[in-house]
Amino acid sequence: MDRKYWIKSTYSNVNGNCIELAVTLDHIRDSKDPHGPALRGDVATFVRAVKTGRFDQ
């Protein structure tokens, strides 16, 4: 996907430690590696899991 189709998190820090979402909300990628792989999936389900603490350790 072209760079213009990605949305960077407004919570990203100066080190670039964040994710970007495709505007279609079906891909997630690491903002530090824009030419690397992008995960395809249900972003809404992923966001709900993060908010509920599913990935907390």
Protein backbone atom coordinates (compact mmCIF):
# COMPACT_ATOMS: atom_id res chain seq x y z
CA MET A 1 0.00 0.00 0.00
CA ASP A 2 1.15 3.52 -0.71
CA ARG A 3 2.14 5.68 2.27
CA LYS A 4 -0.89 7.95 1.87
CA TYR A 5 -3.21 5.07 2.74
CA TRP A 6 -1.81 4.61 6.26
CA ILE A 7 -2.76 6.42 9.46
CA LYS A 8 -0.10 6.80 12.15
CA SER A 9 -1.13 6.72 15.77
CA THR A 10 -1.43 10.15 17.39
CA TYR A 11 0.07 8.54 20.51
CA SER A 12 3.32 7.68 18.75
CA ASN A 13 6.49 8.94 20.33
CA VAL A 14 9.56 10.60 18.83
CA ASN A 15 11.31 7.23 18.52
CA GLY A 16 8.61 6.02 16.15
CA ASN A 17 7.50 3.22 18.43
CA CYS A 18 3.98 2.84 17.17
CA ILE A 19 1.76 1.15 14.68
CA GLU A 20 -0.01 2.40 11.60
CA LEU A 21 -3.45 1.35 10.41
CA ALA A 22 -4.55 1.15 6.82
CA VAL A 23 -7.43 3.53 6.15
CA THR A 24 -9.45 0.46 5.16
CA LEU A 25 -8.88 -0.84 8.74
CA ASP A 26 -7.82 -4.26 7.53
CA HIS A 27 -4.02 -3.99 7.87
CA ILE A 28 -1.65 -3.07 10.72
CA ARG A 29 2.08 -2.45 10.37
CA ASP A 30 5.09 -1.29 12.37
CA SER A 31 5.70 2.39 11.62
CA LYS A 32 9.48 1.88 11.82
CA ASP A 33 9.34 -0.56 8.88
CA PRO A 34 6.88 0.91 6.35
CA HIS A 35 8.13 -1.37 3.58
CA GLY A 36 8.02 -4.47 5.76
CA PRO A 37 5.14 -6.86 6.29
CA ALA A 38 1.67 -5.75 7.27
CA LEU A 39 -0.65 -7.89 9.31
CA ARG A 40 -4.02 -8.43 7.75
CA GLY A 41 -6.97 -8.96 10.03
CA ASP A 42 -9.96 -7.65 11.84
CA VAL A 43 -8.62 -4.43 13.34
CA ALA A 44 -11.75 -3.73 15.37
CA THR A 45 -11.40 -7.08 17.16
CA PHE A 46 -7.70 -6.42 17.76
CA VAL A 47 -8.39 -2.97 19.23
CA ARG A 48 -11.07 -4.41 21.55
CA ALA A 49 -8.61 -7.07 22.76
CA VAL A 50 -5.95 -4.44 23.49
CA LYS A 51 -8.44 -2.25 25.38
CA THR A 52 -9.59 -5.15 27.53
CA GLY A 53 -6.01 -6.04 28.46
CA ARG A 54 -5.83 -9.33 26.60
CA PHE A 55 -2.17 -8.77 25.72
CA ASP A 56 -1.06 -7.38 29.09
CA GLN A 57 1.62 -9.40 30.83
